[in-house]
């Protein structure tokens, strides 16, 4: 399976970000957009979510809310991503039902990942693979965990943490189904559109070597 891009919003942004997002999504394949806003009210999350979800879904990009299955439900989002300190997977699934996407942060833990997949998670996320300024990583993961996962499990795996076009290829080759990227797109020296194009060029180049 060809790797795909899983975009994450900046932790804070102005209304002008809407136009930036439109341009980025128009310049290459993007699988999903996760709304990750920090230190803002629920109302602000909902208002931003309504705007960005329309943009994402109009381009067939799945819209995921970080941490908050209750807000994902209110928005009618495509799914939610939960961390180990957030609402448990089972509670999120009970709230959102069987059809929405639920992904689970598993850090660098094979045990947590297997538990999440066996419980029914739609994907597991490993990381951080590289230093990141977006958030303080609790763990560091090595690319080998992606290869191990591909060898034994069917659920997709997401690589996250400090990923840029300069360091993405080892993770793609190791077996990541998706690369979750925030600053590596929004702070790219040539702009977000160039970043999306370049990530897709990396995915295309690696695709012939991948069996899944």
N, C-alpha and C. Protein backbone atom coordinates (compact mmCIF):
# COMPACT_ATOMS: atom_id res chain seq x y z
N UNK A 1 0.84 -1.19 0.00
CA UNK A 1 0.00 0.00 0.00
C UNK A 1 0.88 1.24 0.00
N UNK A 2 0.55 2.20 -0.85
CA UNK A 2 1.29 3.45 -0.89
C UNK A 2 1.05 4.25 0.38
N UNK A 3 2.12 4.79 0.94
CA UNK A 3 1.99 5.65 2.12
C UNK A 3 1.21 6.91 1.75
N UNK A 4 0.54 7.50 2.73
CA UNK A 4 -0.24 8.71 2.49
C UNK A 4 0.01 9.72 3.61
N UNK A 5 -0.37 10.95 3.35
CA UNK A 5 -0.12 12.05 4.28
C UNK A 5 -1.31 12.26 5.22
N UNK A 6 -1.01 12.37 6.50
CA UNK A 6 -1.99 12.63 7.55
C UNK A 6 -1.62 13.99 8.14
N UNK A 7 -2.30 15.02 7.70
CA UNK A 7 -1.98 16.38 8.13
C UNK A 7 -2.55 16.67 9.51
N UNK A 8 -1.79 17.42 10.31
CA UNK A 8 -2.24 17.88 11.62
C UNK A 8 -2.16 19.40 11.62
N UNK A 9 -3.21 20.05 12.09
CA UNK A 9 -3.21 21.52 12.10
C UNK A 9 -2.14 22.03 13.07
N UNK A 10 -1.72 23.29 12.89
CA UNK A 10 -0.90 23.92 13.93
C UNK A 10 -1.68 23.98 15.23
N UNK A 11 -0.99 24.07 16.38
CA UNK A 11 -1.70 24.10 17.67
C UNK A 11 -2.51 25.37 17.87
N UNK A 12 -2.15 26.43 17.14
CA UNK A 12 -2.93 27.68 17.15
C UNK A 12 -2.86 28.30 15.76
N UNK A 13 -3.94 28.90 15.32
CA UNK A 13 -3.93 29.53 14.01
C UNK A 13 -5.03 30.58 13.92
N UNK A 14 -4.88 31.49 12.96
CA UNK A 14 -5.87 32.54 12.71
C UNK A 14 -6.85 32.08 11.62
N UNK A 15 -7.87 32.89 11.39
CA UNK A 15 -8.88 32.54 10.37
C UNK A 15 -8.25 32.45 8.99
N UNK A 16 -7.16 33.17 8.76
CA UNK A 16 -6.50 33.13 7.45
C UNK A 16 -5.94 31.74 7.13
N UNK A 17 -5.82 30.89 8.15
CA UNK A 17 -5.34 29.53 7.93
C UNK A 17 -6.25 28.76 6.97
N UNK A 18 -7.51 29.13 6.92
CA UNK A 18 -8.45 28.44 6.02
C UNK A 18 -7.93 28.45 4.58
N UNK A 19 -7.45 29.61 4.14
CA UNK A 19 -6.96 29.72 2.76
C UNK A 19 -5.67 28.93 2.58
N UNK A 20 -4.82 28.93 3.60
CA UNK A 20 -3.59 28.14 3.55
C UNK A 20 -3.93 26.66 3.40
N UNK A 21 -4.92 26.21 4.16
CA UNK A 21 -5.32 24.81 4.08
C UNK A 21 -5.86 24.46 2.71
N UNK A 22 -6.69 25.34 2.15
CA UNK A 22 -7.24 25.08 0.81
C UNK A 22 -6.11 24.88 -0.20
N UNK A 23 -5.11 25.74 -0.14
CA UNK A 23 -4.00 25.63 -1.09
C UNK A 23 -3.22 24.34 -0.88
N UNK A 24 -2.99 23.99 0.38
CA UNK A 24 -2.23 22.78 0.67
C UNK A 24 -2.96 21.53 0.19
N UNK A 25 -4.26 21.48 0.42
CA UNK A 25 -5.04 20.30 0.02
C UNK A 25 -5.22 20.21 -1.49
N UNK A 26 -4.98 21.31 -2.16
CA UNK A 26 -5.13 21.29 -3.61
C UNK A 26 -3.88 20.89 -4.35
N UNK A 27 -2.82 20.56 -3.61
CA UNK A 27 -1.53 20.32 -4.27
C UNK A 27 -1.02 18.90 -4.12
N UNK A 28 -1.90 17.96 -3.87
CA UNK A 28 -1.46 16.57 -3.78
C UNK A 28 -2.34 15.77 -2.85
N UNK A 29 -2.18 14.46 -2.89
CA UNK A 29 -3.00 13.55 -2.10
C UNK A 29 -2.78 13.77 -0.60
N UNK A 30 -3.87 13.95 0.13
CA UNK A 30 -3.86 14.01 1.59
C UNK A 30 -4.98 13.11 2.08
N UNK A 31 -4.67 12.20 2.98
CA UNK A 31 -5.66 11.24 3.45
C UNK A 31 -6.58 11.84 4.50
N UNK A 32 -6.01 12.61 5.42
CA UNK A 32 -6.81 13.08 6.55
C UNK A 32 -6.22 14.36 7.13
N UNK A 33 -7.07 15.08 7.83
CA UNK A 33 -6.67 16.29 8.54
C UNK A 33 -7.14 16.17 9.98
N UNK A 34 -6.19 16.29 10.90
CA UNK A 34 -6.54 16.25 12.32
C UNK A 34 -6.53 17.67 12.88
N UNK A 35 -7.63 18.03 13.53
CA UNK A 35 -7.73 19.31 14.22
C UNK A 35 -7.13 19.17 15.61
N UNK A 36 -5.99 19.83 15.80
CA UNK A 36 -5.34 19.77 17.11
C UNK A 36 -5.08 21.20 17.58
N UNK A 37 -6.02 21.71 18.36
CA UNK A 37 -5.91 23.04 18.94
C UNK A 37 -5.62 22.91 20.43
N UNK A 38 -4.70 23.71 20.93
CA UNK A 38 -4.30 23.63 22.33
C UNK A 38 -4.67 24.92 23.06
N UNK A 39 -5.13 24.76 24.30
CA UNK A 39 -5.40 25.89 25.20
C UNK A 39 -6.44 26.85 24.64
N UNK A 40 -7.48 26.29 24.04
CA UNK A 40 -8.59 27.11 23.57
C UNK A 40 -9.89 26.49 24.08
N UNK A 41 -10.96 27.26 24.03
CA UNK A 41 -12.25 26.79 24.54
C UNK A 41 -12.89 25.80 23.58
N UNK A 42 -13.85 25.04 24.12
CA UNK A 42 -14.60 24.11 23.27
C UNK A 42 -15.30 24.85 22.14
N UNK A 43 -15.82 26.04 22.43
CA UNK A 43 -16.51 26.81 21.39
C UNK A 43 -15.55 27.16 20.25
N UNK A 44 -14.33 27.53 20.59
CA UNK A 44 -13.34 27.85 19.55
C UNK A 44 -13.00 26.62 18.73
N UNK A 45 -12.89 25.47 19.39
CA UNK A 45 -12.62 24.23 18.67
C UNK A 45 -13.76 23.92 17.71
N UNK A 46 -14.99 24.08 18.19
CA UNK A 46 -16.14 23.78 17.34
C UNK A 46 -16.24 24.74 16.16
N UNK A 47 -15.99 26.02 16.41
CA UNK A 47 -16.07 26.99 15.31
C UNK A 47 -14.99 26.71 14.26
N UNK A 48 -13.77 26.47 14.72
CA UNK A 48 -12.70 26.15 13.77
C UNK A 48 -12.99 24.83 13.07
N UNK A 49 -13.51 23.88 13.83
CA UNK A 49 -13.79 22.56 13.25
C UNK A 49 -14.83 22.63 12.15
N UNK A 50 -15.87 23.43 12.34
CA UNK A 50 -16.91 23.55 11.31
C UNK A 50 -16.31 24.07 10.01
N UNK A 51 -15.44 25.08 10.10
CA UNK A 51 -14.85 25.65 8.89
C UNK A 51 -13.90 24.67 8.21
N UNK A 52 -13.00 24.11 9.01
CA UNK A 52 -11.97 23.25 8.41
C UNK A 52 -12.55 21.93 7.92
N UNK A 53 -13.58 21.44 8.60
CA UNK A 53 -14.18 20.18 8.17
C UNK A 53 -14.82 20.33 6.80
N UNK A 54 -15.47 21.47 6.56
CA UNK A 54 -16.06 21.70 5.24
C UNK A 54 -14.98 21.69 4.15
N UNK A 55 -13.87 22.34 4.44
CA UNK A 55 -12.77 22.40 3.47
C UNK A 55 -12.22 21.00 3.22
N UNK A 56 -11.97 20.26 4.30
CA UNK A 56 -11.38 18.93 4.16
C UNK A 56 -12.31 17.97 3.43
N UNK A 57 -13.55 17.89 3.90
CA UNK A 57 -14.46 16.90 3.32
C UNK A 57 -14.82 17.22 1.88
N UNK A 58 -14.79 18.49 1.50
CA UNK A 58 -15.06 18.84 0.11
C UNK A 58 -13.97 18.32 -0.82
N UNK A 59 -12.83 17.98 -0.25
CA UNK A 59 -11.72 17.44 -1.03
C UNK A 59 -11.47 15.97 -0.72
N UNK A 60 -12.47 15.30 -0.14
CA UNK A 60 -12.39 13.87 0.20
C UNK A 60 -11.27 13.58 1.18
N UNK A 61 -11.02 14.51 2.08
CA UNK A 61 -10.03 14.35 3.14
C UNK A 61 -10.78 14.09 4.44
N UNK A 62 -10.48 12.98 5.11
CA UNK A 62 -11.16 12.66 6.37
C UNK A 62 -10.79 13.69 7.43
N UNK A 63 -11.80 14.10 8.21
CA UNK A 63 -11.59 15.12 9.25
C UNK A 63 -11.63 14.46 10.61
N UNK A 64 -10.51 14.57 11.34
CA UNK A 64 -10.32 13.90 12.63
C UNK A 64 -10.13 14.95 13.71
N UNK A 65 -10.76 14.76 14.85
CA UNK A 65 -10.60 15.66 15.99
C UNK A 65 -9.65 15.02 16.99
N UNK A 66 -8.72 15.79 17.51
CA UNK A 66 -7.77 15.27 18.48
C UNK A 66 -8.38 15.27 19.88
N UNK A 67 -8.21 14.17 20.58
CA UNK A 67 -8.50 14.05 22.02
C UNK A 67 -9.98 13.96 22.41
N UNK A 68 -10.89 14.57 21.66
CA UNK A 68 -12.24 14.83 22.15
C UNK A 68 -13.32 14.15 21.32
N UNK A 69 -13.68 12.91 21.66
CA UNK A 69 -14.76 12.26 20.93
C UNK A 69 -16.10 12.97 21.08
N UNK A 70 -16.30 13.67 22.19
CA UNK A 70 -17.56 14.40 22.37
C UNK A 70 -17.69 15.53 21.36
N UNK A 71 -16.58 16.24 21.10
CA UNK A 71 -16.62 17.32 20.12
C UNK A 71 -16.66 16.75 18.70
N UNK A 72 -16.00 15.62 18.49
CA UNK A 72 -16.09 14.98 17.17
C UNK A 72 -17.53 14.62 16.85
N UNK A 73 -18.26 14.15 17.86
CA UNK A 73 -19.66 13.80 17.67
C UNK A 73 -20.50 15.04 17.36
N UNK A 74 -20.28 16.11 18.11
CA UNK A 74 -21.02 17.35 17.88
C UNK A 74 -20.80 17.89 16.47
N UNK A 75 -19.55 17.80 16.02
CA UNK A 75 -19.21 18.33 14.70
C UNK A 75 -19.70 17.44 13.56
N UNK A 76 -19.92 16.15 13.86
CA UNK A 76 -20.17 15.20 12.79
C UNK A 76 -18.89 14.88 12.05
N UNK A 77 -17.76 14.90 12.76
CA UNK A 77 -16.46 14.63 12.16
C UNK A 77 -16.37 13.17 11.73
N UNK A 78 -15.36 12.89 10.91
CA UNK A 78 -15.16 11.51 10.44
C UNK A 78 -14.57 10.62 11.52
N UNK A 79 -13.96 11.23 12.55
CA UNK A 79 -13.39 10.40 13.60
C UNK A 79 -12.66 11.20 14.64
N UNK A 80 -11.95 10.47 15.50
CA UNK A 80 -11.22 11.08 16.61
C UNK A 80 -9.90 10.34 16.79
N UNK A 81 -8.92 11.08 17.28
CA UNK A 81 -7.65 10.46 17.68
C UNK A 81 -7.51 10.62 19.19
N UNK A 82 -7.27 9.52 19.90
CA UNK A 82 -7.15 9.59 21.36
C UNK A 82 -5.76 9.13 21.79
N UNK A 83 -5.24 9.83 22.80
CA UNK A 83 -3.97 9.45 23.40
C UNK A 83 -4.18 8.54 24.59
N UNK A 84 -3.08 8.10 25.17
CA UNK A 84 -3.18 7.20 26.31
C UNK A 84 -3.75 7.88 27.55
N UNK A 85 -3.68 9.22 27.61
CA UNK A 85 -4.21 9.96 28.75
C UNK A 85 -5.58 10.57 28.47
N UNK A 86 -6.15 10.26 27.31
CA UNK A 86 -7.46 10.81 26.94
C UNK A 86 -8.55 9.79 27.24
N UNK A 87 -9.71 10.01 26.67
CA UNK A 87 -10.82 9.06 26.80
C UNK A 87 -10.37 7.69 26.29
N UNK A 88 -10.62 6.61 27.03
CA UNK A 88 -10.22 5.28 26.55
C UNK A 88 -10.88 4.92 25.23
N UNK A 89 -10.21 4.06 24.47
CA UNK A 89 -10.75 3.67 23.16
C UNK A 89 -12.19 3.16 23.27
N UNK A 90 -12.45 2.28 24.22
CA UNK A 90 -13.78 1.67 24.32
C UNK A 90 -14.86 2.72 24.55
N UNK A 91 -14.54 3.73 25.34
CA UNK A 91 -15.51 4.80 25.61
C UNK A 91 -15.73 5.65 24.36
N UNK A 92 -14.64 5.93 23.65
CA UNK A 92 -14.77 6.69 22.41
C UNK A 92 -15.61 5.93 21.38
N UNK A 93 -15.40 4.64 21.29
CA UNK A 93 -16.16 3.82 20.33
C UNK A 93 -17.64 3.78 20.72
N UNK A 94 -17.91 3.65 22.00
CA UNK A 94 -19.31 3.62 22.45
C UNK A 94 -20.01 4.93 22.12
N UNK A 95 -19.29 6.04 22.21
CA UNK A 95 -19.88 7.34 21.94
C UNK A 95 -20.07 7.58 20.44
N UNK A 96 -19.07 7.19 19.64
CA UNK A 96 -19.08 7.53 18.21
C UNK A 96 -19.70 6.45 17.33
N UNK A 97 -19.88 5.26 17.87
CA UNK A 97 -20.48 4.20 17.07
C UNK A 97 -19.47 3.46 16.22
N UNK A 98 -19.95 2.49 15.44
CA UNK A 98 -19.04 1.58 14.74
C UNK A 98 -18.41 2.12 13.48
N UNK A 99 -18.93 3.20 12.93
CA UNK A 99 -18.52 3.61 11.59
C UNK A 99 -17.48 4.72 11.54
N UNK A 100 -17.32 5.45 12.63
CA UNK A 100 -16.34 6.54 12.59
C UNK A 100 -14.93 6.02 12.89
N UNK A 101 -13.95 6.76 12.40
CA UNK A 101 -12.54 6.40 12.57
C UNK A 101 -12.10 6.72 13.99
N UNK A 102 -11.43 5.76 14.63
CA UNK A 102 -10.81 6.03 15.93
C UNK A 102 -9.37 5.53 15.87
N UNK A 103 -8.44 6.45 16.06
CA UNK A 103 -7.03 6.10 16.11
C UNK A 103 -6.50 6.28 17.51
N UNK A 104 -5.44 5.55 17.83
CA UNK A 104 -4.93 5.53 19.21
C UNK A 104 -3.42 5.75 19.21
N UNK A 105 -2.97 6.68 20.03
CA UNK A 105 -1.53 6.87 20.26
C UNK A 105 -0.99 5.69 21.04
N UNK A 106 0.11 5.11 20.55
CA UNK A 106 0.71 3.97 21.24
C UNK A 106 2.18 4.19 21.56
N UNK A 107 2.67 5.41 21.34
CA UNK A 107 4.04 5.78 21.66
C UNK A 107 5.03 4.82 20.98
N UNK A 108 5.86 4.15 21.77
CA UNK A 108 6.78 3.15 21.21
C UNK A 108 6.49 1.77 21.76
N UNK A 109 5.22 1.55 22.15
CA UNK A 109 4.83 0.33 22.86
C UNK A 109 4.15 -0.68 21.92
N UNK A 110 4.78 -1.80 21.74
CA UNK A 110 4.16 -2.86 20.95
C UNK A 110 2.92 -3.40 21.67
N UNK A 111 3.00 -3.47 22.98
CA UNK A 111 1.88 -3.99 23.77
C UNK A 111 0.65 -3.09 23.62
N UNK A 112 0.83 -1.78 23.79
CA UNK A 112 -0.31 -0.86 23.66
C UNK A 112 -0.91 -0.93 22.26
N UNK A 113 -0.04 -1.04 21.26
CA UNK A 113 -0.53 -1.08 19.88
C UNK A 113 -1.35 -2.33 19.62
N UNK A 114 -0.87 -3.47 20.10
CA UNK A 114 -1.61 -4.71 19.89
C UNK A 114 -2.94 -4.67 20.64
N UNK A 115 -2.94 -4.13 21.84
CA UNK A 115 -4.20 -3.99 22.59
C UNK A 115 -5.20 -3.13 21.83
N UNK A 116 -4.73 -2.00 21.30
CA UNK A 116 -5.62 -1.09 20.59
C UNK A 116 -6.18 -1.73 19.33
N UNK A 117 -5.33 -2.40 18.57
CA UNK A 117 -5.79 -3.02 17.33
C UNK A 117 -6.77 -4.16 17.61
N UNK A 118 -6.47 -4.94 18.62
CA UNK A 118 -7.36 -6.06 18.95
C UNK A 118 -8.70 -5.56 19.48
N UNK A 119 -8.71 -4.37 20.08
CA UNK A 119 -9.97 -3.79 20.56
C UNK A 119 -10.80 -3.22 19.42
N UNK A 120 -10.15 -2.98 18.26
CA UNK A 120 -10.89 -2.50 17.10
C UNK A 120 -10.47 -1.15 16.58
N UNK A 121 -9.36 -0.58 17.09
CA UNK A 121 -8.90 0.72 16.61
C UNK A 121 -8.68 0.67 15.10
N UNK A 122 -9.00 1.77 14.44
CA UNK A 122 -8.85 1.84 12.98
C UNK A 122 -7.40 2.07 12.57
N UNK A 123 -6.61 2.64 13.45
CA UNK A 123 -5.17 2.75 13.22
C UNK A 123 -4.47 2.96 14.55
N UNK A 124 -3.18 2.65 14.58
CA UNK A 124 -2.34 2.94 15.75
C UNK A 124 -1.25 3.92 15.32
N UNK A 125 -0.84 4.77 16.24
CA UNK A 125 0.18 5.78 15.93
C UNK A 125 1.40 5.55 16.80
N UNK A 126 2.55 5.47 16.17
CA UNK A 126 3.83 5.31 16.87
C UNK A 126 4.63 6.60 16.77
N UNK A 127 5.41 6.89 17.81
CA UNK A 127 6.29 8.05 17.77
C UNK A 127 6.71 8.46 19.18
N UNK A 128 7.46 9.51 19.29
CA UNK A 128 7.93 10.37 18.22
C UNK A 128 9.21 9.78 17.61
N UNK A 129 9.30 9.86 16.27
CA UNK A 129 10.47 9.32 15.60
C UNK A 129 11.62 10.31 15.56
N UNK A 130 11.31 11.60 15.58
CA UNK A 130 12.34 12.63 15.53
C UNK A 130 11.98 13.72 16.55
N UNK A 131 12.94 14.54 16.93
CA UNK A 131 12.63 15.66 17.82
C UNK A 131 11.56 16.56 17.18
N UNK A 132 10.69 17.09 18.01
CA UNK A 132 9.59 17.91 17.49
C UNK A 132 9.37 19.11 18.38
N UNK A 133 9.01 20.22 17.77
CA UNK A 133 8.70 21.43 18.53
C UNK A 133 7.20 21.60 18.71
N UNK A 134 6.40 20.76 18.04
CA UNK A 134 4.95 20.91 18.11
C UNK A 134 4.41 20.54 19.49
N UNK A 135 4.94 19.47 20.05
CA UNK A 135 4.57 19.08 21.41
C UNK A 135 5.72 18.30 22.01
N UNK A 136 5.77 18.25 23.32
CA UNK A 136 6.86 17.54 24.00
C UNK A 136 6.61 16.04 23.92
N UNK A 137 7.45 15.29 23.17
CA UNK A 137 7.19 13.86 23.04
C UNK A 137 7.49 13.11 24.33
N UNK A 138 6.62 12.15 24.65
CA UNK A 138 6.83 11.34 25.84
C UNK A 138 7.80 10.19 25.58
N UNK A 139 7.91 9.78 24.33
CA UNK A 139 8.75 8.64 24.00
C UNK A 139 9.43 8.89 22.66
N UNK A 140 10.47 8.13 22.40
CA UNK A 140 11.10 8.09 21.08
C UNK A 140 10.91 6.68 20.53
N UNK A 141 10.56 6.61 19.26
CA UNK A 141 10.35 5.33 18.59
C UNK A 141 11.38 5.18 17.47
N UNK A 142 11.69 3.93 17.14
CA UNK A 142 12.61 3.62 16.07
C UNK A 142 11.84 3.05 14.88
N UNK A 143 12.34 3.26 13.65
CA UNK A 143 11.61 2.79 12.47
C UNK A 143 11.32 1.29 12.47
N UNK A 144 12.12 0.52 13.19
CA UNK A 144 11.91 -0.93 13.20
C UNK A 144 10.53 -1.33 13.70
N UNK A 145 9.93 -0.48 14.56
CA UNK A 145 8.62 -0.85 15.08
C UNK A 145 7.57 -0.84 13.98
N UNK A 146 7.77 -0.01 12.95
CA UNK A 146 6.84 0.03 11.82
C UNK A 146 6.93 -1.25 11.00
N UNK A 147 8.15 -1.73 10.80
CA UNK A 147 8.35 -2.98 10.06
C UNK A 147 7.77 -4.15 10.82
N UNK A 148 8.02 -4.18 12.11
CA UNK A 148 7.46 -5.25 12.95
C UNK A 148 5.94 -5.26 12.85
N UNK A 149 5.34 -4.07 12.92
CA UNK A 149 3.88 -3.98 12.86
C UNK A 149 3.34 -4.52 11.54
N UNK A 150 3.98 -4.12 10.44
CA UNK A 150 3.52 -4.57 9.13
C UNK A 150 3.61 -6.08 8.98
N UNK A 151 4.58 -6.68 9.65
CA UNK A 151 4.78 -8.12 9.53
C UNK A 151 3.71 -8.94 10.23
N UNK A 152 3.07 -8.34 11.26
CA UNK A 152 2.18 -9.17 12.08
C UNK A 152 0.73 -8.69 12.16
N UNK A 153 0.47 -7.41 11.81
CA UNK A 153 -0.87 -6.87 12.03
C UNK A 153 -1.45 -6.28 10.75
N UNK A 154 -2.77 -6.22 10.68
CA UNK A 154 -3.46 -5.68 9.51
C UNK A 154 -3.83 -4.21 9.68
N UNK A 155 -4.10 -3.76 10.90
CA UNK A 155 -4.50 -2.36 11.10
C UNK A 155 -3.39 -1.42 10.65
N UNK A 156 -3.73 -0.33 10.00
CA UNK A 156 -2.71 0.61 9.54
C UNK A 156 -1.94 1.24 10.70
N UNK A 157 -0.71 1.65 10.42
CA UNK A 157 0.09 2.35 11.42
C UNK A 157 0.48 3.73 10.91
N UNK A 158 0.49 4.68 11.83
CA UNK A 158 0.82 6.06 11.55
C UNK A 158 2.13 6.39 12.26
N UNK A 159 3.05 7.01 11.55
CA UNK A 159 4.29 7.51 12.16
C UNK A 159 4.12 8.99 12.43
N UNK A 160 4.58 9.44 13.61
CA UNK A 160 4.39 10.83 14.00
C UNK A 160 5.63 11.31 14.76
N UNK A 161 5.86 12.62 14.70
CA UNK A 161 6.90 13.22 15.51
C UNK A 161 8.07 13.77 14.72
N UNK A 162 8.05 15.07 14.45
CA UNK A 162 9.18 15.73 13.83
C UNK A 162 9.44 15.36 12.39
N UNK A 163 8.44 14.88 11.69
CA UNK A 163 8.64 14.38 10.32
C UNK A 163 8.65 15.53 9.33
N UNK A 164 9.65 15.53 8.45
CA UNK A 164 9.78 16.52 7.39
C UNK A 164 10.07 15.79 6.09
N UNK A 165 10.08 16.54 4.99
CA UNK A 165 10.43 15.90 3.72
C UNK A 165 11.86 15.39 3.74
N UNK A 166 12.71 15.98 4.58
CA UNK A 166 14.12 15.58 4.63
C UNK A 166 14.33 14.25 5.35
N UNK A 167 13.44 13.89 6.27
CA UNK A 167 13.67 12.67 7.06
C UNK A 167 12.57 11.63 6.91
N UNK A 168 11.66 11.84 5.96
CA UNK A 168 10.49 10.97 5.84
C UNK A 168 10.80 9.60 5.25
N UNK A 169 11.69 9.53 4.30
CA UNK A 169 11.88 8.30 3.53
C UNK A 169 12.16 7.07 4.37
N UNK A 170 13.02 7.12 5.41
CA UNK A 170 13.24 5.91 6.21
C UNK A 170 11.97 5.37 6.85
N UNK A 171 11.05 6.24 7.23
CA UNK A 171 9.80 5.79 7.84
C UNK A 171 8.87 5.17 6.81
N UNK A 172 8.85 5.76 5.61
CA UNK A 172 8.05 5.19 4.53
C UNK A 172 8.56 3.81 4.17
N UNK A 173 9.87 3.69 4.02
CA UNK A 173 10.47 2.40 3.67
C UNK A 173 10.29 1.37 4.78
N UNK A 174 10.26 1.82 6.02
CA UNK A 174 10.10 0.90 7.15
C UNK A 174 8.70 0.33 7.23
N UNK A 175 7.71 1.04 6.62
CA UNK A 175 6.37 0.46 6.59
C UNK A 175 5.25 1.34 7.09
N UNK A 176 5.51 2.62 7.32
CA UNK A 176 4.41 3.49 7.76
C UNK A 176 3.32 3.56 6.69
N UNK A 177 2.08 3.38 7.10
CA UNK A 177 0.96 3.54 6.18
C UNK A 177 0.60 5.01 5.99
N UNK A 178 0.83 5.80 7.03
CA UNK A 178 0.57 7.23 6.99
C UNK A 178 1.70 7.95 7.74
N UNK A 179 2.05 9.14 7.28
CA UNK A 179 2.94 10.02 8.03
C UNK A 179 2.12 11.18 8.56
N UNK A 180 2.10 11.35 9.87
CA UNK A 180 1.39 12.46 10.49
C UNK A 180 2.35 13.64 10.61
N UNK A 181 1.99 14.73 9.97
CA UNK A 181 2.91 15.87 9.86
C UNK A 181 2.18 17.17 10.18
N UNK A 182 2.83 18.00 10.97
CA UNK A 182 2.30 19.33 11.25
C UNK A 182 3.31 20.38 10.78
N UNK A 183 4.29 20.72 11.62
CA UNK A 183 5.25 21.77 11.28
C UNK A 183 5.99 21.47 9.98
N UNK A 184 6.22 20.19 9.69
CA UNK A 184 6.93 19.82 8.47
C UNK A 184 6.21 20.23 7.21
N UNK A 185 4.92 20.52 7.31
CA UNK A 185 4.16 21.08 6.19
C UNK A 185 3.98 22.58 6.35
N UNK A 186 3.43 23.00 7.49
CA UNK A 186 3.06 24.41 7.66
C UNK A 186 4.27 25.33 7.72
N UNK A 187 5.42 24.82 8.16
CA UNK A 187 6.62 25.66 8.27
C UNK A 187 7.66 25.33 7.20
N UNK A 188 7.26 24.61 6.17
CA UNK A 188 8.19 24.29 5.09
C UNK A 188 8.69 25.58 4.43
N UNK A 189 9.98 25.61 4.13
CA UNK A 189 10.60 26.84 3.63
C UNK A 189 9.97 27.34 2.34
N UNK A 190 9.46 26.42 1.53
CA UNK A 190 8.85 26.80 0.26
C UNK A 190 7.32 26.87 0.33
N UNK A 191 6.78 26.72 1.53
CA UNK A 191 5.34 26.80 1.72
C UNK A 191 4.67 25.44 1.81
N UNK A 192 3.46 25.39 2.39
CA UNK A 192 2.74 24.13 2.58
C UNK A 192 2.45 23.38 1.29
N UNK A 193 2.13 24.12 0.22
CA UNK A 193 1.83 23.44 -1.04
C UNK A 193 3.03 22.63 -1.52
N UNK A 194 4.22 23.24 -1.43
CA UNK A 194 5.44 22.55 -1.85
C UNK A 194 5.68 21.33 -0.97
N UNK A 195 5.40 21.46 0.32
CA UNK A 195 5.60 20.33 1.22
C UNK A 195 4.70 19.16 0.84
N UNK A 196 3.43 19.44 0.58
CA UNK A 196 2.50 18.37 0.20
C UNK A 196 2.96 17.69 -1.10
N UNK A 197 3.38 18.49 -2.06
CA UNK A 197 3.89 17.92 -3.31
C UNK A 197 5.09 17.02 -3.06
N UNK A 198 6.01 17.51 -2.25
CA UNK A 198 7.25 16.77 -2.03
C UNK A 198 7.01 15.49 -1.24
N UNK A 199 6.11 15.54 -0.26
CA UNK A 199 5.77 14.30 0.46
C UNK A 199 5.19 13.27 -0.51
N UNK A 200 4.32 13.70 -1.40
CA UNK A 200 3.73 12.76 -2.34
C UNK A 200 4.76 12.20 -3.32
N UNK A 201 5.75 13.00 -3.67
CA UNK A 201 6.84 12.49 -4.50
C UNK A 201 7.62 11.40 -3.78
N UNK A 202 7.83 11.59 -2.48
CA UNK A 202 8.51 10.57 -1.67
C UNK A 202 7.68 9.29 -1.63
N UNK A 203 6.37 9.43 -1.42
CA UNK A 203 5.50 8.25 -1.36
C UNK A 203 5.50 7.50 -2.69
N UNK A 204 5.45 8.25 -3.78
CA UNK A 204 5.47 7.61 -5.10
C UNK A 204 6.79 6.87 -5.34
N UNK A 205 7.89 7.49 -4.94
CA UNK A 205 9.19 6.88 -5.17
C UNK A 205 9.36 5.59 -4.38
N UNK A 206 8.77 5.53 -3.18
CA UNK A 206 8.91 4.35 -2.33
C UNK A 206 7.90 3.27 -2.64
N UNK A 207 6.82 3.62 -3.34
CA UNK A 207 5.71 2.68 -3.53
C UNK A 207 6.13 1.35 -4.17
N UNK A 208 7.00 1.32 -5.21
CA UNK A 208 7.35 0.02 -5.80
C UNK A 208 8.02 -0.96 -4.86
N UNK A 209 8.64 -0.44 -3.78
CA UNK A 209 9.34 -1.31 -2.84
C UNK A 209 8.42 -1.89 -1.78
N UNK A 210 7.21 -1.37 -1.70
CA UNK A 210 6.31 -1.77 -0.62
C UNK A 210 5.34 -2.86 -1.08
N UNK A 211 5.17 -3.84 -0.21
CA UNK A 211 4.24 -4.94 -0.52
C UNK A 211 2.88 -4.71 0.11
N UNK A 212 2.80 -3.81 1.12
CA UNK A 212 1.53 -3.47 1.75
C UNK A 212 1.32 -1.99 1.72
